[in-house]
Amino acid sequence: MDQLSKPDPVARARDLGAAIEAAAEVLERTQRIPAPLLDALHEARLLRMLLPRAVGGDEVEPWVYLRAVEEVGRHDASIGWNVFVANSSALIAPFLARDVARTIYVDPRTIIAWGPPNEHTASAVPGGYRVSGRWNFASGCRAANWMGMHCQVSEPDGSPRLNPAGRPTVRTLLFPAEQATLYDTWNVIGLRGTASDSYSVSDLFVPEAFSTTREDPTLRRDPGRLYAFTMQGLYAVGVAGVGLGVARAMLEAFMDLAARKVPRGLKRLADNAVVQSDVARMEAKLGSARAYLAQTLSDIWAGVEGTEIIDIPARARVRLACANAIQAATEVADYAYKAAGTDAIFLGTAFERRFRDMHTLTQQIQARTAHFEAVGQVLLGLDVEVFY
């Protein structure tokens, strides 16, 4: 059975598990996805799960997307991260004119990479923008054929362009990747294979049609139910999926170790009552966090009507379920690492790289515990003007 005949992306992701694990060492060392594996990811359409069907995507349900990212992340966190980032950037397509989105995604191997706003200038000029600057944290940029720049815009008179809330607006400008200069800057402890490098442009002209803004979800042009969710919410779903996959792999690795390891003068770890209890608790923590997130996404999906964007209470529910999943995954990963003892500290074990990957993931904005505070404000009925 070929990849595309498999019933869902989760099955296709599962079939790539062995190839992903086989590439993990090379990926860690070179920070580049081996060409055969990248080909396989494209063939399995795992980089088009959130792209609209109208421009060649699969537009899968968000809980299916969650499980597919988790399955990839279970075999390698960096590949899982690259998969979720490629899908997250594809969420810009519903905000573009259909012909522009098709121009970008006509290549079946299209990936857009970008980084958050940094030092830059973007000036409005006739027909588009003139941009110079440098951006960091461009995950997947080494495999991308398009790039994006999130920019604050200066009007021709020098004044900042403002959004309806009266704040400087941030527009996303898209351009072919060969027009950017890339820099090897990703010297980090974990998620090394994401190659989240830096890039710059100098006096680059970007046509107006290849720009849009992610700030206002009501500006989407694609009415698909998937795009009733905010970009930021679906981004958090991807991070949660990677975290759940890493934690699952570490817990399974510890259970395998516990069946074999006999500490000096003691019984097997698996025969220890404390270990038995702890493993059961970690299994419940991980499974319940995933189930809560999947059910939240499914329930909100079922309630989407027409072309309306999900409201602030629903956005808060997505954020809460994602933050809870990331926190639960971190706790399970930490348990497995500590419980494995010295077996976890050696390079090349089933624990050490995943531990580094998890604790790089936790430094990302989606893992902030401040999200619980923000959700709590919504739950308590406090006035919240903006919630992504």
Protein backbone atom coordinates (compact mmCIF):
# COMPACT_ATOMS: atom_id res chain seq x y z
CA MET A 1 0.00 0.00 0.00
CA ASP A 2 1.50 3.35 -1.03
CA GLN A 3 1.57 6.38 1.25
CA LEU A 4 -1.37 8.23 -0.27
CA SER A 5 -3.68 5.21 -0.02
CA LYS A 6 -3.31 5.21 3.74
CA PRO A 7 -6.54 6.36 5.42
CA ASP A 8 -5.18 9.33 7.32
CA PRO A 9 -2.03 11.37 8.01
CA VAL A 10 -1.45 9.57 11.31
CA ALA A 11 -1.05 6.24 9.50
CA ARG A 12 1.27 7.83 6.96
CA ALA A 13 3.32 9.40 9.74
CA ARG A 14 3.54 6.06 11.52
CA ASP A 15 4.85 4.38 8.38
CA LEU A 16 7.71 6.89 8.24
CA GLY A 17 8.76 6.17 11.83
CA ALA A 18 11.67 3.90 11.00
CA ALA A 19 13.04 6.28 8.36
CA ILE A 20 12.78 9.23 10.74
CA GLU A 21 14.61 7.38 13.51
CA ALA A 22 17.29 6.20 11.07
CA ALA A 23 17.96 9.82 10.05
CA ALA A 24 18.05 11.23 13.59
CA GLU A 25 21.83 11.04 14.07
CA VAL A 26 22.62 12.66 10.73
CA LEU A 27 19.99 15.31 11.35
CA GLU A 28 21.43 16.13 14.77
CA ARG A 29 24.95 16.42 13.37
CA THR A 30 24.32 18.23 10.07
CA GLN A 31 21.16 20.17 10.99
CA ARG A 32 19.78 19.28 7.57
CA ILE A 33 16.94 16.88 6.77
CA PRO A 34 18.42 14.12 4.56
CA ALA A 35 17.03 14.41 1.04
CA PRO A 36 15.36 10.96 0.99
CA LEU A 37 13.50 11.72 4.22
CA LEU A 38 12.42 15.15 3.00
CA ASP A 39 11.17 13.51 -0.18
CA ALA A 40 9.20 11.01 1.90
CA LEU A 41 7.64 13.76 4.04
CA HIS A 42 6.47 15.53 0.89
CA GLU A 43 5.19 12.30 -0.66
CA ALA A 44 3.22 11.54 2.50
CA ARG A 45 1.74 15.06 2.35
CA LEU A 46 2.62 15.65 5.98
CA LEU A 47 3.67 19.21 5.15
CA ARG A 48 0.26 20.11 3.65
CA MET A 49 -2.12 19.03 6.37
CA LEU A 50 -3.29 22.57 7.20
CA LEU A 51 -3.13 23.97 3.66
CA PRO A 52 -6.54 24.71 2.05
CA ARG A 53 -7.81 22.09 -0.38
CA ALA A 54 -8.43 24.86 -2.89
CA VAL A 55 -4.68 25.36 -3.30
CA GLY A 56 -3.61 21.72 -3.12
CA GLY A 57 -3.72 21.02 0.60
CA ASP A 58 -5.53 18.44 2.72
CA GLU A 59 -7.22 20.72 5.30
CA VAL A 60 -7.37 17.98 7.95
CA GLU A 61 -9.25 18.21 11.22
CA PRO A 62 -7.10 19.77 13.98
CA TRP A 63 -7.20 16.74 16.27
CA VAL A 64 -6.01 14.52 13.41
CA TYR A 65 -3.23 17.02 12.77
CA LEU A 66 -2.32 16.86 16.47
CA ARG A 67 -1.96 13.08 16.37
CA ALA A 68 0.07 13.13 13.14
CA VAL A 69 2.54 15.67 14.56
CA GLU A 70 2.74 13.64 17.78
CA GLU A 71 3.51 10.49 15.81
CA VAL A 72 6.34 12.20 13.93
CA GLY A 73 7.64 13.81 17.14
CA ARG A 74 7.68 10.42 18.84
CA HIS A 75 10.42 9.38 16.42
CA ASP A 76 12.29 12.69 16.28
CA ALA A 77 11.39 16.04 17.81
CA SER A 78 13.19 18.12 15.18
CA ILE A 79 11.32 16.47 12.31
CA GLY A 80 8.09 16.88 14.26
CA TRP A 81 8.91 20.55 14.74
CA ASN A 82 9.66 21.03 11.05
CA VAL A 83 6.39 19.35 10.14
CA PHE A 84 4.33 21.55 12.43
CA VAL A 85 6.14 24.74 11.38
CA ALA A 86 5.61 24.02 7.67
CA ASN A 87 1.93 23.46 8.36
CA SER A 88 1.68 26.56 10.53
CA SER A 89 3.15 28.79 7.82
CA ALA A 90 0.70 27.26 5.33
CA LEU A 91 -2.03 28.89 7.41
CA ILE A 92 -1.13 32.17 5.71
CA ALA A 93 -2.72 30.85 2.49
CA PRO A 94 -6.33 31.53 3.56
CA PHE A 95 -5.40 35.20 4.02
CA LEU A 96 -4.08 35.59 0.46
CA ALA A 97 -5.92 36.03 -2.81
CA ARG A 98 -6.56 32.59 -4.26
CA ASP A 99 -4.35 33.14 -7.33
CA VAL A 100 -1.45 34.32 -5.15
CA ALA A 101 -1.76 31.32 -2.84
CA ARG A 102 -1.80 29.03 -5.87
CA THR A 103 1.29 30.73 -7.27
CA ILE A 104 3.15 29.98 -4.05
CA TYR A 105 1.84 26.45 -3.55
CA VAL A 106 1.73 25.28 -7.17
CA ASP A 107 5.01 23.51 -6.41
CA PRO A 108 4.01 20.39 -4.43
CA ARG A 109 7.20 20.79 -2.38
CA THR A 110 6.53 24.37 -1.27
CA ILE A 111 7.49 25.23 2.30
CA ILE A 112 7.36 28.74 3.72
CA ALA A 113 9.79 29.60 6.52
CA TRP A 114 9.86 32.78 8.57
CA GLY A 115 10.94 34.29 11.86
CA PRO A 116 9.34 36.73 14.32
CA PRO A 117 9.69 40.51 13.84
CA ASN A 118 13.22 41.76 14.50
CA GLU A 119 15.38 44.66 13.35
CA HIS A 120 13.97 45.78 10.03
CA THR A 121 12.50 48.58 7.95
CA ALA A 122 9.49 48.09 5.70
CA SER A 123 8.40 51.12 3.72
CA ALA A 124 5.17 51.32 1.75
CA VAL A 125 5.91 52.27 -1.87
CA PRO A 126 3.79 52.23 -5.01
CA GLY A 127 2.71 48.65 -5.65
CA GLY A 128 4.15 47.12 -2.50
CA TYR A 129 6.96 47.46 0.02
CA ARG A 130 10.70 48.00 0.22
CA VAL A 131 12.21 45.93 3.01
CA SER A 132 15.61 45.56 4.67
CA GLY A 133 16.36 43.68 7.84
CA ARG A 134 17.27 40.48 9.59
CA TRP A 135 15.10 37.81 11.20
CA ASN A 136 15.93 34.88 13.49
CA PHE A 137 14.37 31.55 14.49
CA ALA A 138 13.39 30.59 10.93
CA SER A 139 12.68 26.91 11.57
CA GLY A 140 12.83 24.82 8.42
CA CYS A 141 14.46 27.55 6.33
CA ARG A 142 17.00 25.12 4.84
CA ALA A 143 14.19 23.14 3.23
CA ALA A 144 12.04 26.16 2.28
CA ASN A 145 11.53 27.59 -1.19
CA TRP A 146 9.56 30.63 0.07
CA MET A 147 10.28 32.93 2.98
CA GLY A 148 8.20 35.37 4.96
CA MET A 149 8.92 38.56 6.87
CA HIS A 150 6.68 39.85 9.65
CA CYS A 151 7.08 43.63 9.47
CA GLN A 152 5.85 46.89 10.89
CA VAL A 153 5.18 49.22 7.99
CA SER A 154 6.05 52.86 7.54
CA GLU A 155 3.77 54.92 5.31
CA PRO A 156 5.29 57.13 2.57
CA ASP A 157 5.17 60.09 4.98
CA GLY A 158 7.16 58.13 7.57
CA SER A 159 4.27 57.51 9.96
CA PRO A 160 3.62 53.96 11.20
CA ARG A 161 0.75 52.05 9.65
CA LEU A 162 -1.79 51.34 12.39
CA ASN A 163 -4.30 48.54 12.80
CA PRO A 164 -7.94 49.12 13.82
CA ALA A 165 -6.90 49.02 17.49
CA GLY A 166 -4.58 51.97 16.91
CA ARG A 167 -1.37 49.97 17.30
CA PRO A 168 1.38 49.50 14.70
CA THR A 169 0.20 46.77 12.38
CA VAL A 170 2.35 43.77 11.49
CA ARG A 171 2.16 42.58 7.88
CA THR A 172 3.58 39.36 6.53
CA LEU A 173 5.49 39.75 3.26
CA LEU A 174 6.26 36.65 1.18
CA PHE A 175 9.07 36.18 -1.33
CA PRO A 176 11.12 33.39 -3.00
CA ALA A 177 13.73 31.93 -0.67
CA GLU A 178 16.63 32.55 -3.03
CA GLN A 179 16.22 36.29 -2.42
CA ALA A 180 17.23 35.87 1.23
CA THR A 181 20.70 35.48 2.71
CA LEU A 182 20.78 32.66 5.27
CA TYR A 183 23.12 32.50 8.26
CA ASP A 184 24.13 29.44 10.28
CA THR A 185 23.21 30.66 13.77
CA TRP A 186 21.38 27.67 15.29
CA ASN A 187 24.03 26.67 17.86
CA VAL A 188 21.70 25.28 20.52
CA ILE A 189 21.36 22.33 22.88
CA GLY A 190 18.17 20.83 21.50
CA LEU A 191 15.90 20.72 18.44
CA ARG A 192 19.11 21.10 16.48
CA GLY A 193 17.63 19.51 13.38
CA THR A 194 15.11 22.31 12.99
CA ALA A 195 17.92 24.54 11.64
CA SER A 196 16.08 27.58 12.98
CA ASP A 197 18.65 29.89 11.45
CA SER A 198 18.67 33.61 10.67
CA TYR A 199 18.15 35.38 7.36
CA SER A 200 18.29 38.88 5.93
CA VAL A 201 17.21 40.92 2.92
CA SER A 202 18.42 44.28 1.64
CA ASP A 203 16.14 46.73 -0.17
CA LEU A 204 13.89 43.90 -1.34
CA PHE A 205 10.69 44.86 -3.17
CA VAL A 206 7.65 42.74 -2.29
CA PRO A 207 4.45 43.27 -4.30
CA GLU A 208 1.31 44.18 -2.34
CA ALA A 209 -0.42 40.99 -3.48
CA PHE A 210 2.23 38.90 -1.70
CA SER A 211 1.49 40.53 1.64
CA THR A 212 -1.22 40.13 4.25
CA THR A 213 -1.72 40.30 8.00
CA ARG A 214 -2.31 37.55 10.54
CA GLU A 215 -3.57 39.99 13.18
CA ASP A 216 -7.27 39.85 12.31
CA PRO A 217 -8.67 36.33 11.79
CA THR A 218 -11.83 37.79 10.24
CA LEU A 219 -9.76 38.76 7.19
CA ARG A 220 -9.39 35.17 6.06
CA ARG A 221 -10.63 34.52 2.53
CA ASP A 222 -11.09 30.78 2.83
CA PRO A 223 -14.31 29.80 4.65
CA GLY A 224 -13.12 26.31 5.61
CA ARG A 225 -14.05 25.19 9.12
CA LEU A 226 -10.38 24.63 9.96
CA TYR A 227 -9.70 28.33 9.50
CA ALA A 228 -12.28 29.30 12.10
CA PHE A 229 -9.44 28.51 14.51
CA THR A 230 -6.83 31.23 14.91
CA MET A 231 -3.35 30.77 13.49
CA GLN A 232 -1.90 31.19 16.96
CA GLY A 233 -4.18 28.50 18.37
CA LEU A 234 -3.25 25.97 15.69
CA TYR A 235 0.41 26.88 16.17
CA ALA A 236 0.07 25.92 19.83
CA VAL A 237 -1.56 22.63 18.79
CA GLY A 238 1.57 21.81 16.77
CA VAL A 239 3.93 22.54 19.67
CA ALA A 240 1.76 20.41 21.94
CA GLY A 241 1.90 17.57 19.41
CA VAL A 242 5.69 17.60 19.35
CA GLY A 243 5.84 17.68 23.15
CA LEU A 244 3.41 14.79 23.50
CA GLY A 245 5.41 12.74 21.01
CA VAL A 246 8.71 13.31 22.83
CA ALA A 247 7.16 12.47 26.19
CA ARG A 248 5.56 9.31 24.80
CA ALA A 249 8.89 8.13 23.39
CA MET A 250 10.70 8.79 26.68
CA LEU A 251 8.07 7.04 28.78
CA GLU A 252 8.12 4.01 26.49
CA ALA A 253 11.92 3.99 26.61
CA PHE A 254 11.83 4.00 30.41
CA MET A 255 9.31 1.16 30.54
CA ASP A 256 11.58 -0.87 28.27
CA LEU A 257 14.56 -0.05 30.49
CA ALA A 258 12.61 -0.91 33.66
CA ALA A 259 11.97 -4.41 32.35
CA ARG A 260 15.74 -4.96 32.01
CA LYS A 261 17.48 -2.84 34.61
CA VAL A 262 18.40 -4.35 37.96
CA PRO A 263 19.94 -1.77 40.30
CA ARG A 264 22.72 -3.10 42.52
CA GLY A 265 21.30 -5.29 45.28
CA LEU A 266 17.70 -4.73 44.20
CA LYS A 267 15.06 -6.26 41.98
CA ARG A 268 14.24 -5.12 38.49
CA LEU A 269 12.88 -1.59 38.31
CA ALA A 270 9.69 -3.04 36.87
CA ASP A 271 9.18 -5.06 40.06
CA ASN A 272 9.37 -1.97 42.27
CA ALA A 273 5.96 -0.86 43.56
CA VAL A 274 6.87 2.83 43.42
CA VAL A 275 7.98 2.53 39.82
CA GLN A 276 4.79 0.67 38.94
CA SER A 277 2.66 3.38 40.51
CA ASP A 278 4.64 6.22 38.95
CA VAL A 279 4.51 4.72 35.46
CA ALA A 280 0.74 4.33 35.72
CA ARG A 281 0.37 7.94 36.86
CA MET A 282 2.55 9.21 34.01
CA GLU A 283 0.59 7.16 31.49
CA ALA A 284 -2.65 8.69 32.78
CA LYS A 285 -1.19 12.20 32.79
CA LEU A 286 -0.03 11.94 29.19
CA GLY A 287 -3.13 10.22 27.88
CA SER A 288 -5.55 12.54 29.62
CA ALA A 289 -3.72 15.66 28.42
CA ARG A 290 -3.87 14.43 24.83
CA ALA A 291 -7.52 13.38 25.15
CA TYR A 292 -8.49 16.74 26.67
CA LEU A 293 -6.83 18.64 23.84
CA ALA A 294 -8.27 16.39 21.11
CA GLN A 295 -11.77 16.58 22.60
CA THR A 296 -11.55 20.35 22.96
CA LEU A 297 -10.60 20.71 19.30
CA SER A 298 -13.34 18.31 18.22
CA ASP A 299 -16.03 20.01 20.30
CA ILE A 300 -15.15 23.48 18.98
CA TRP A 301 -15.00 22.15 15.41
CA ALA A 302 -18.49 20.71 15.79
CA GLY A 303 -19.81 24.10 16.91
CA VAL A 304 -18.39 26.13 14.02
CA GLU A 305 -21.14 27.64 11.91
CA GLY A 306 -20.87 29.50 8.63
CA THR A 307 -17.82 31.67 8.23
CA GLU A 308 -17.59 32.89 11.82
CA ILE A 309 -14.24 32.82 13.65
CA ILE A 310 -14.30 31.03 17.00
CA ASP A 311 -14.96 33.42 19.86
CA ILE A 312 -12.68 34.38 22.73
CA PRO A 313 -13.97 31.70 25.17
CA ALA A 314 -13.30 29.02 22.52
CA ARG A 315 -9.84 30.43 21.81
CA ALA A 316 -9.13 30.33 25.53
CA ARG A 317 -10.20 26.68 25.66
CA VAL A 318 -7.77 25.82 22.85
CA ARG A 319 -4.99 27.71 24.60
CA LEU A 320 -5.71 26.03 27.93
CA ALA A 321 -5.75 22.54 26.45
CA CYS A 322 -2.49 23.20 24.59
CA ALA A 323 -0.73 24.70 27.62
CA ASN A 324 -1.90 21.78 29.74
CA ALA A 325 -0.64 19.26 27.17
CA ILE A 326 2.78 20.93 26.94
CA GLN A 327 3.11 21.04 30.73
CA ALA A 328 2.01 17.41 31.11
CA ALA A 329 4.44 16.30 28.41
CA THR A 330 7.29 18.12 30.13
CA GLU A 331 6.49 16.49 33.48
CA VAL A 332 6.37 13.02 31.92
CA ALA A 333 9.64 13.56 30.05
CA ASP A 334 11.35 14.78 33.22
CA TYR A 335 10.05 11.77 35.14
CA ALA A 336 11.37 9.32 32.54
CA TYR A 337 14.77 11.01 32.43
CA LYS A 338 15.19 11.05 36.20
CA ALA A 339 13.80 7.55 36.74
CA ALA A 340 16.23 6.11 34.19
CA GLY A 341 19.16 7.19 36.36
CA THR A 342 22.61 7.13 34.81
CA ASP A 343 21.29 5.25 31.78
CA ALA A 344 19.81 8.56 30.62
CA ILE A 345 22.96 10.69 30.68
CA PHE A 346 25.03 9.07 27.94
CA LEU A 347 25.09 10.45 24.42
CA GLY A 348 23.10 8.36 22.01
CA THR A 349 20.64 6.92 24.52
CA ALA A 350 16.90 7.06 24.05
CA PHE A 351 16.76 9.78 26.68
CA GLU A 352 19.47 12.44 26.40
CA ARG A 353 18.63 13.95 23.00
CA ARG A 354 14.93 13.89 23.72
CA PHE A 355 15.57 15.54 27.10
CA ARG A 356 17.49 18.32 25.35
CA ASP A 357 14.79 18.62 22.70
CA MET A 358 12.03 18.87 25.29
CA HIS A 359 13.84 21.52 27.27
CA THR A 360 14.40 23.54 24.14
CA LEU A 361 10.70 23.27 23.33
CA THR A 362 9.80 24.53 26.81
CA GLN A 363 11.67 27.79 26.12
CA GLN A 364 9.35 28.60 23.23
CA ILE A 365 6.58 31.15 23.79
CA GLN A 366 3.85 28.51 23.46
CA ALA A 367 5.13 26.81 26.62
CA ARG A 368 4.87 29.87 28.87
CA THR A 369 2.95 29.26 32.10
CA ALA A 370 1.59 32.80 31.69
CA HIS A 371 -0.97 31.28 29.31
CA PHE A 372 -2.79 29.85 32.31
CA GLU A 373 -3.16 33.34 33.74
CA ALA A 374 -4.56 34.67 30.48
CA VAL A 375 -7.07 31.82 30.24
CA GLY A 376 -8.02 32.31 33.88
CA GLN A 377 -8.93 35.91 33.11
CA VAL A 378 -11.34 34.71 30.42
CA LEU A 379 -12.81 32.01 32.66
CA LEU A 380 -13.39 34.55 35.45
CA GLY A 381 -15.20 36.90 33.12
CA LEU A 382 -12.59 39.64 33.17
CA ASP A 383 -12.39 42.08 30.28
CA VAL A 384 -10.02 40.71 27.64
CA GLU A 385 -9.75 42.80 24.47
CA VAL A 386 -7.57 40.44 22.45
CA PHE A 387 -7.03 36.70 22.82
CA TYR A 388 -5.25 34.63 20.21
